[in-house]
Amino acid sequence: MSSDVARAIEAILMVAQEPVEPHLLAQLLEVAPARVAEAVEELRTAYEAEDRGFVLVEVAGGYRFQSHPDLAAYVERFALEGQSARLSNAALETLAIIAYKQPLSRAQIAAIRGVNVDGVIRTLVQRGYIAEVGRDPGPGQATMFGTSQEFLERMGLASLDDLPPIAELFPSAEVMEALERTLQASAPDEADAPAPEEPAQPEMPLSEADLSEPEPPAWAVDPPSTPEA
């Protein structure tokens, strides 16, 4: 049977809206932090033995309940019923850029994505996934953005160090080289391609004025006369 400390922790986490830090639990229960850690392990062992649909995890520096990973498909199906809670592909892409490159300014994010990101930034701030984390020391002192505590909680991460290496999200160098070779092989050989011919200049018909000799200037026809002596 669970101890009173473990039951108290379970009750607190059941109503908490965000992860509860160990030192706060120790303060509330008037026990040592080590006793809190023991009680948490006690609860985890009990949940695993009972094969419950949730687990007790440590994220963002605190404890909370979350659904069991084995039941992710059912939870995802339930979550997708609320379409308004979903982020657009543009928002997800922007959030990923900020998570891996933070801190970044609006201009830096826009330069990476190649489009205006004002609306997406506003959405991510309103959802609580990103927040202002400072100012750029350079000219203009642009606002810098980074991920928030809410982001860590939603992602189930204890810290940003738990993000998967970005290399895992992209094709390997071997795959990229093979793709490049395929593209080069399918492209026509420029050396064998015939050189483009220069367009012929259209011949303009000559008018009578062009064929006639130009009239001499007046001074050449009638030279000025000298006065008689």
C-alpha atoms as a PDB file:
ATOM      1  CA  MET A   1       0.000   0.000   0.000  1.00  0.00           C
ATOM      2  CA  SER A   2       1.211   3.499  -0.804  1.00  0.00           C
ATOM      3  CA  SER A   3       2.422   5.669   2.037  1.00  0.00           C
ATOM      4  CA  ASP A   4       0.677   8.851   3.104  1.00  0.00           C
ATOM      5  CA  VAL A   5       3.408  10.919   1.417  1.00  0.00           C
ATOM      6  CA  ALA A   6       2.921   9.067  -1.859  1.00  0.00           C
ATOM      7  CA  ARG A   7      -0.860   9.464  -1.685  1.00  0.00           C
ATOM      8  CA  ALA A   8      -0.498  13.167  -0.966  1.00  0.00           C
ATOM      9  CA  ILE A   9       1.818  13.625  -3.950  1.00  0.00           C
ATOM     10  CA  GLU A  10      -0.667  11.733  -6.116  1.00  0.00           C
ATOM     11  CA  ALA A  11      -3.506  14.009  -5.005  1.00  0.00           C
ATOM     12  CA  ILE A  12      -1.504  17.194  -5.634  1.00  0.00           C
ATOM     13  CA  LEU A  13      -0.379  16.126  -9.087  1.00  0.00           C
ATOM     14  CA  MET A  14      -3.926  15.118  -9.965  1.00  0.00           C
ATOM     15  CA  VAL A  15      -5.152  18.709  -9.663  1.00  0.00           C
ATOM     16  CA  ALA A  16      -1.985  20.544 -10.724  1.00  0.00           C
ATOM     17  CA  GLN A  17      -2.163  22.433 -14.026  1.00  0.00           C
ATOM     18  CA  GLU A  18       1.596  22.255 -14.563  1.00  0.00           C
ATOM     19  CA  PRO A  19       4.535  20.155 -13.338  1.00  0.00           C
ATOM     20  CA  VAL A  20       5.172  20.498  -9.616  1.00  0.00           C
ATOM     21  CA  GLU A  21       8.799  20.911  -8.587  1.00  0.00           C
ATOM     22  CA  PRO A  22      10.205  18.463  -6.001  1.00  0.00           C
ATOM     23  CA  HIS A  23      11.226  21.177  -3.557  1.00  0.00           C
ATOM     24  CA  LEU A  24       7.658  22.530  -3.542  1.00  0.00           C
ATOM     25  CA  LEU A  25       6.270  19.081  -2.790  1.00  0.00           C
ATOM     26  CA  ALA A  26       8.775  18.719   0.031  1.00  0.00           C
ATOM     27  CA  GLN A  27       7.727  22.090   1.417  1.00  0.00           C
ATOM     28  CA  LEU A  28       4.009  21.327   1.194  1.00  0.00           C
ATOM     29  CA  LEU A  29       4.344  17.887   2.782  1.00  0.00           C
ATOM     30  CA  GLU A  30       6.981  19.015   5.302  1.00  0.00           C
ATOM     31  CA  VAL A  31       9.372  16.226   4.376  1.00  0.00           C
ATOM     32  CA  ALA A  32      12.894  16.042   2.997  1.00  0.00           C
ATOM     33  CA  PRO A  33      13.378  16.168  -0.799  1.00  0.00           C
ATOM     34  CA  ALA A  34      14.825  12.656  -0.622  1.00  0.00           C
ATOM     35  CA  ARG A  35      11.534  11.416   0.841  1.00  0.00           C
ATOM     36  CA  VAL A  36       9.665  12.977  -2.090  1.00  0.00           C
ATOM     37  CA  ALA A  37      11.899  11.130  -4.543  1.00  0.00           C
ATOM     38  CA  GLU A  38      11.259   7.854  -2.710  1.00  0.00           C
ATOM     39  CA  ALA A  39       7.500   8.415  -2.783  1.00  0.00           C
ATOM     40  CA  VAL A  40       7.581   9.198  -6.505  1.00  0.00           C
ATOM     41  CA  GLU A  41       9.397   5.938  -7.223  1.00  0.00           C
ATOM     42  CA  GLU A  42       6.877   4.167  -5.016  1.00  0.00           C
ATOM     43  CA  LEU A  43       4.041   5.532  -7.142  1.00  0.00           C
ATOM     44  CA  ARG A  44       5.784   4.681 -10.396  1.00  0.00           C
ATOM     45  CA  THR A  45       6.305   1.088  -9.296  1.00  0.00           C
ATOM     46  CA  ALA A  46       2.657   0.771  -8.311  1.00  0.00           C
ATOM     47  CA  TYR A  47       1.415   2.195 -11.616  1.00  0.00           C
ATOM     48  CA  GLU A  48       3.628  -0.148 -13.636  1.00  0.00           C
ATOM     49  CA  ALA A  49       2.455  -3.155 -11.629  1.00  0.00           C
ATOM     50  CA  GLU A  50      -1.187  -2.191 -12.191  1.00  0.00           C
ATOM     51  CA  ASP A  51      -0.589  -1.446 -15.896  1.00  0.00           C
ATOM     52  CA  ARG A  52      -2.351   1.918 -15.650  1.00  0.00           C
ATOM     53  CA  GLY A  53      -3.175   4.148 -18.613  1.00  0.00           C
ATOM     54  CA  PHE A  54      -0.984   6.959 -17.306  1.00  0.00           C
ATOM     55  CA  VAL A  55       2.556   7.381 -16.033  1.00  0.00           C
ATOM     56  CA  LEU A  56       4.289   9.699 -13.594  1.00  0.00           C
ATOM     57  CA  VAL A  57       7.073  11.571 -15.371  1.00  0.00           C
ATOM     58  CA  GLU A  58       9.523  14.366 -14.658  1.00  0.00           C
ATOM     59  CA  VAL A  59       9.404  17.204 -17.194  1.00  0.00           C
ATOM     60  CA  ALA A  60      10.498  20.839 -17.096  1.00  0.00           C
ATOM     61  CA  GLY A  61      11.991  20.340 -13.637  1.00  0.00           C
ATOM     62  CA  GLY A  62       8.828  18.971 -12.031  1.00  0.00           C
ATOM     63  CA  TYR A  63       6.500  15.974 -11.768  1.00  0.00           C
ATOM     64  CA  ARG A  64       3.224  15.436 -13.583  1.00  0.00           C
ATOM     65  CA  PHE A  65       0.933  12.742 -14.937  1.00  0.00           C
ATOM     66  CA  GLN A  66       0.696  12.014 -18.640  1.00  0.00           C
ATOM     67  CA  SER A  67      -0.861   9.313 -20.789  1.00  0.00           C
ATOM     68  CA  HIS A  68       1.006   6.056 -21.237  1.00  0.00           C
ATOM     69  CA  PRO A  69       3.152   5.997 -24.417  1.00  0.00           C
ATOM     70  CA  ASP A  70       1.550   2.708 -25.474  1.00  0.00           C
ATOM     71  CA  LEU A  71      -1.803   4.485 -25.758  1.00  0.00           C
ATOM     72  CA  ALA A  72      -0.534   7.385 -27.865  1.00  0.00           C
ATOM     73  CA  ALA A  73      -2.637   6.397 -30.893  1.00  0.00           C
ATOM     74  CA  TYR A  74      -5.889   6.674 -28.938  1.00  0.00           C
ATOM     75  CA  VAL A  75      -4.875   9.941 -27.322  1.00  0.00           C
ATOM     76  CA  GLU A  76      -3.873  11.375 -30.700  1.00  0.00           C
ATOM     77  CA  ARG A  77      -7.208  10.353 -32.196  1.00  0.00           C
ATOM     78  CA  PHE A  78      -8.993  12.115 -29.348  1.00  0.00           C
ATOM     79  CA  ALA A  79      -6.830  15.234 -29.638  1.00  0.00           C
ATOM     80  CA  LEU A  80      -7.418  15.547 -33.373  1.00  0.00           C
ATOM     81  CA  GLU A  81     -11.149  15.915 -32.780  1.00  0.00           C
ATOM     82  CA  GLY A  82     -10.453  19.496 -31.719  1.00  0.00           C
ATOM     83  CA  GLN A  83      -9.225  20.987 -34.979  1.00  0.00           C
ATOM     84  CA  SER A  84      -8.891  24.458 -33.448  1.00  0.00           C
ATOM     85  CA  ALA A  85      -6.122  23.198 -31.183  1.00  0.00           C
ATOM     86  CA  ARG A  86      -3.958  22.060 -34.085  1.00  0.00           C
ATOM     87  CA  LEU A  87      -1.052  24.099 -35.353  1.00  0.00           C
ATOM     88  CA  SER A  88      -0.618  24.741 -39.048  1.00  0.00           C
ATOM     89  CA  ASN A  89       2.377  23.365 -40.918  1.00  0.00           C
ATOM     90  CA  ALA A  90       3.812  26.886 -41.065  1.00  0.00           C
ATOM     91  CA  ALA A  91       3.492  27.231 -37.286  1.00  0.00           C
ATOM     92  CA  LEU A  92       5.082  23.832 -36.668  1.00  0.00           C
ATOM     93  CA  GLU A  93       7.968  24.666 -38.992  1.00  0.00           C
ATOM     94  CA  THR A  94       8.519  28.013 -37.280  1.00  0.00           C
ATOM     95  CA  LEU A  95       8.347  26.417 -33.839  1.00  0.00           C
ATOM     96  CA  ALA A  96      10.964  23.839 -34.849  1.00  0.00           C
ATOM     97  CA  ILE A  97      13.278  26.565 -36.149  1.00  0.00           C
ATOM     98  CA  ILE A  98      12.988  28.494 -32.889  1.00  0.00           C
ATOM     99  CA  ALA A  99      13.481  25.368 -30.772  1.00  0.00           C
ATOM    100  CA  TYR A 100      16.766  24.464 -32.467  1.00  0.00           C
ATOM    101  CA  LYS A 101      18.143  27.931 -33.264  1.00  0.00           C
ATOM    102  CA  GLN A 102      16.926  30.086 -30.367  1.00  0.00           C
ATOM    103  CA  PRO A 103      17.119  32.877 -29.558  1.00  0.00           C
ATOM    104  CA  LEU A 104      15.983  34.388 -32.867  1.00  0.00           C
ATOM    105  CA  SER A 105      14.414  37.646 -33.989  1.00  0.00           C
ATOM    106  CA  ARG A 106      11.461  37.940 -36.360  1.00  0.00           C
ATOM    107  CA  ALA A 107      13.794  38.992 -39.156  1.00  0.00           C
ATOM    108  CA  GLN A 108      16.065  35.995 -38.610  1.00  0.00           C
ATOM    109  CA  ILE A 109      13.130  33.572 -38.603  1.00  0.00           C
ATOM    110  CA  ALA A 110      11.694  35.178 -41.735  1.00  0.00           C
ATOM    111  CA  ALA A 111      15.085  34.905 -43.444  1.00  0.00           C
ATOM    112  CA  ILE A 112      15.246  31.176 -42.696  1.00  0.00           C
ATOM    113  CA  ARG A 113      11.677  30.465 -43.820  1.00  0.00           C
ATOM    114  CA  GLY A 114      11.669  32.945 -46.689  1.00  0.00           C
ATOM    115  CA  VAL A 115       8.237  34.341 -45.817  1.00  0.00           C
ATOM    116  CA  ASN A 116       6.666  36.814 -43.417  1.00  0.00           C
ATOM    117  CA  VAL A 117       6.222  35.229 -39.986  1.00  0.00           C
ATOM    118  CA  ASP A 118       4.385  37.935 -38.037  1.00  0.00           C
ATOM    119  CA  GLY A 119       1.102  36.004 -37.930  1.00  0.00           C
ATOM    120  CA  VAL A 120       2.756  32.716 -37.015  1.00  0.00           C
ATOM    121  CA  ILE A 121       4.810  34.331 -34.251  1.00  0.00           C
ATOM    122  CA  ARG A 122       1.663  35.908 -32.837  1.00  0.00           C
ATOM    123  CA  THR A 123      -0.103  32.519 -32.818  1.00  0.00           C
ATOM    124  CA  LEU A 124       2.787  30.756 -31.081  1.00  0.00           C
ATOM    125  CA  VAL A 125       2.997  33.481 -28.445  1.00  0.00           C
ATOM    126  CA  GLN A 126      -0.756  33.293 -27.817  1.00  0.00           C
ATOM    127  CA  ARG A 127      -0.569  29.517 -27.452  1.00  0.00           C
ATOM    128  CA  GLY A 128       2.267  29.948 -24.965  1.00  0.00           C
ATOM    129  CA  TYR A 129       4.807  27.879 -26.915  1.00  0.00           C
ATOM    130  CA  ILE A 130       7.287  30.740 -27.362  1.00  0.00           C
ATOM    131  CA  ALA A 131       8.018  33.950 -25.478  1.00  0.00           C
ATOM    132  CA  GLU A 132      10.238  37.004 -25.600  1.00  0.00           C
ATOM    133  CA  VAL A 133      13.607  36.111 -24.112  1.00  0.00           C
ATOM    134  CA  GLY A 134      15.544  39.331 -24.566  1.00  0.00           C
ATOM    135  CA  ARG A 135      16.772  41.927 -27.029  1.00  0.00           C
ATOM    136  CA  ASP A 136      19.318  41.762 -29.804  1.00  0.00           C
ATOM    137  CA  PRO A 137      22.360  43.833 -28.727  1.00  0.00           C
ATOM    138  CA  GLY A 138      22.817  44.993 -32.316  1.00  0.00           C
ATOM    139  CA  PRO A 139      21.253  48.019 -34.028  1.00  0.00           C
ATOM    140  CA  GLY A 140      17.525  48.280 -33.482  1.00  0.00           C
ATOM    141  CA  GLN A 141      17.580  45.902 -30.505  1.00  0.00           C
ATOM    142  CA  ALA A 142      15.081  43.506 -32.071  1.00  0.00           C
ATOM    143  CA  THR A 143      12.992  41.292 -29.805  1.00  0.00           C
ATOM    144  CA  MET A 144      14.408  37.774 -29.500  1.00  0.00           C
ATOM    145  CA  PHE A 145      12.148  34.728 -29.165  1.00  0.00           C
ATOM    146  CA  GLY A 146      12.700  31.339 -27.573  1.00  0.00           C
ATOM    147  CA  THR A 147      10.657  28.350 -26.468  1.00  0.00           C
ATOM    148  CA  SER A 148       8.751  28.511 -23.200  1.00  0.00           C
ATOM    149  CA  GLN A 149       8.152  26.254 -20.232  1.00  0.00           C
ATOM    150  CA  GLU A 150       4.815  25.351 -21.825  1.00  0.00           C
ATOM    151  CA  PHE A 151       6.701  24.038 -24.848  1.00  0.00           C
ATOM    152  CA  LEU A 152       8.772  21.701 -22.659  1.00  0.00           C
ATOM    153  CA  GLU A 153       5.663  20.467 -20.877  1.00  0.00           C
ATOM    154  CA  ARG A 154       3.751  19.852 -24.106  1.00  0.00           C
ATOM    155  CA  MET A 155       6.695  18.024 -25.630  1.00  0.00           C
ATOM    156  CA  GLY A 156       7.349  16.005 -22.485  1.00  0.00           C
ATOM    157  CA  LEU A 157      10.924  17.268 -22.200  1.00  0.00           C
ATOM    158  CA  ALA A 158      12.893  17.972 -19.060  1.00  0.00           C
ATOM    159  CA  SER A 159      15.066  20.503 -20.907  1.00  0.00           C
ATOM    160  CA  LEU A 160      16.071  21.549 -24.412  1.00  0.00           C
ATOM    161  CA  ASP A 161      18.973  19.110 -24.169  1.00  0.00           C
ATOM    162  CA  ASP A 162      16.411  16.330 -24.607  1.00  0.00           C
ATOM    163  CA  LEU A 163      15.497  17.494 -28.120  1.00  0.00           C
ATOM    164  CA  PRO A 164      16.463  14.879 -30.714  1.00  0.00           C
ATOM    165  CA  PRO A 165      19.608  15.751 -32.688  1.00  0.00           C
ATOM    166  CA  ILE A 166      18.615  17.798 -35.691  1.00  0.00           C
ATOM    167  CA  ALA A 167      20.600  15.455 -37.940  1.00  0.00           C
ATOM    168  CA  GLU A 168      18.002  12.759 -37.290  1.00  0.00           C
ATOM    169  CA  LEU A 169      15.360  14.922 -38.940  1.00  0.00           C
ATOM    170  CA  PHE A 170      17.184  15.211 -42.276  1.00  0.00           C
ATOM    171  CA  PRO A 171      18.473  12.701 -44.844  1.00  0.00           C
ATOM    172  CA  SER A 172      22.016  11.461 -44.354  1.00  0.00           C
ATOM    173  CA  ALA A 173      24.918  12.693 -46.463  1.00  0.00           C
ATOM    174  CA  GLU A 174      24.914   9.391 -48.389  1.00  0.00           C
ATOM    175  CA  VAL A 175      21.254   9.839 -49.297  1.00  0.00           C
ATOM    176  CA  MET A 176      21.838  13.421 -50.435  1.00  0.00           C
ATOM    177  CA  GLU A 177      24.830  12.368 -52.577  1.00  0.00           C
ATOM    178  CA  ALA A 178      22.816   9.577 -54.196  1.00  0.00           C
ATOM    179  CA  LEU A 179      20.008  12.012 -54.936  1.00  0.00           C
ATOM    180  CA  GLU A 180      22.443  14.470 -56.487  1.00  0.00           C
ATOM    181  CA  ARG A 181      23.958  11.743 -58.689  1.00  0.00           C
ATOM    182  CA  THR A 182      20.496  10.723 -59.835  1.00  0.00           C
ATOM    183  CA  LEU A 183      19.609  14.275 -60.752  1.00  0.00           C
ATOM    184  CA  GLN A 184      22.865  14.755 -62.646  1.00  0.00           C
ATOM    185  CA  ALA A 185      22.384  11.508 -64.564  1.00  0.00           C
ATOM    186  CA  SER A 186      18.857  12.443 -65.602  1.00  0.00           C
ATOM    187  CA  ALA A 187      19.851  15.939 -66.752  1.00  0.00           C
ATOM    188  CA  PRO A 188      20.866  16.389 -70.461  1.00  0.00           C
ATOM    189  CA  ASP A 189      24.591  16.806 -71.192  1.00  0.00           C
ATOM    190  CA  GLU A 190      25.236  20.444 -71.939  1.00  0.00           C
ATOM    191  CA  ALA A 191      28.222  19.579 -74.166  1.00  0.00           C
ATOM    192  CA  ASP A 192      26.016  17.510 -76.503  1.00  0.00           C
ATOM    193  CA  ALA A 193      23.259  20.067 -76.659  1.00  0.00           C
ATOM    194  CA  PRO A 194      23.320  22.174 -79.856  1.00  0.00           C
ATOM    195  CA  ALA A 195      24.309  25.762 -79.363  1.00  0.00           C
ATOM    196  CA  PRO A 196      21.375  28.117 -79.753  1.00  0.00           C
ATOM    197  CA  GLU A 197      21.388  30.022 -83.039  1.00  0.00           C
ATOM    198  CA  GLU A 198      21.314  33.761 -82.927  1.00  0.00           C
ATOM    199  CA  PRO A 199      18.086  35.108 -84.369  1.00  0.00           C
ATOM    200  CA  ALA A 200      18.512  36.610 -87.842  1.00  0.00           C
ATOM    201  CA  GLN A 201      18.085  40.340 -88.027  1.00  0.00           C
ATOM    202  CA  PRO A 202      15.180  41.309 -90.297  1.00  0.00           C
ATOM    203  CA  GLU A 203      16.150  43.258 -93.424  1.00  0.00           C
ATOM    204  CA  MET A 204      14.584  46.690 -93.591  1.00  0.00           C
ATOM    205  CA  PRO A 205      13.458  47.859 -97.071  1.00  0.00           C
ATOM    206  CA  LEU A 206      15.304  50.903 -98.395  1.00  0.00           C
ATOM    207  CA  SER A 207      13.277  53.953 -99.243  1.00  0.00           C
ATOM    208  CA  GLU A 208      13.920  56.378-102.103  1.00  0.00           C
ATOM    209  CA  ALA A 209      15.350  58.843 -99.618  1.00  0.00           C
ATOM    210  CA  ASP A 210      17.953  56.270 -98.571  1.00  0.00           C
ATOM    211  CA  LEU A 211      18.993  55.656-102.220  1.00  0.00           C
ATOM    212  CA  SER A 212      19.288  59.316-103.223  1.00  0.00           C
ATOM    213  CA  GLU A 213      22.493  61.244-102.658  1.00  0.00           C
ATOM    214  CA  PRO A 214      22.353  63.707 -99.801  1.00  0.00           C
ATOM    215  CA  GLU A 215      21.952  67.349-100.801  1.00  0.00           C
ATOM    216  CA  PRO A 216      25.040  69.503-100.197  1.00  0.00           C
ATOM    217  CA  PRO A 217      24.718  72.285 -97.661  1.00  0.00           C
ATOM    218  CA  ALA A 218      23.725  75.745 -98.895  1.00  0.00           C
ATOM    219  CA  TRP A 219      27.158  77.252 -98.309  1.00  0.00           C
ATOM    220  CA  ALA A 220      28.737  74.684-100.657  1.00  0.00           C
ATOM    221  CA  VAL A 221      26.317  75.504-103.509  1.00  0.00           C
ATOM    222  CA  ASP A 222      26.264  79.273-103.248  1.00  0.00           C
ATOM    223  CA  PRO A 223      29.531  80.521-101.745  1.00  0.00           C
ATOM    224  CA  PRO A 224      29.313  83.996-100.284  1.00  0.00           C
ATOM    225  CA  SER A 225      30.108  86.780-102.850  1.00  0.00           C
ATOM    226  CA  THR A 226      32.831  89.346-102.252  1.00  0.00           C
ATOM    227  CA  PRO A 227      31.940  93.031-102.496  1.00  0.00           C
ATOM    228  CA  GLU A 228      33.038  94.867-105.734  1.00  0.00           C
ATOM    229  CA  ALA A 229      35.895  97.317-105.477  1.00  0.00           C
END
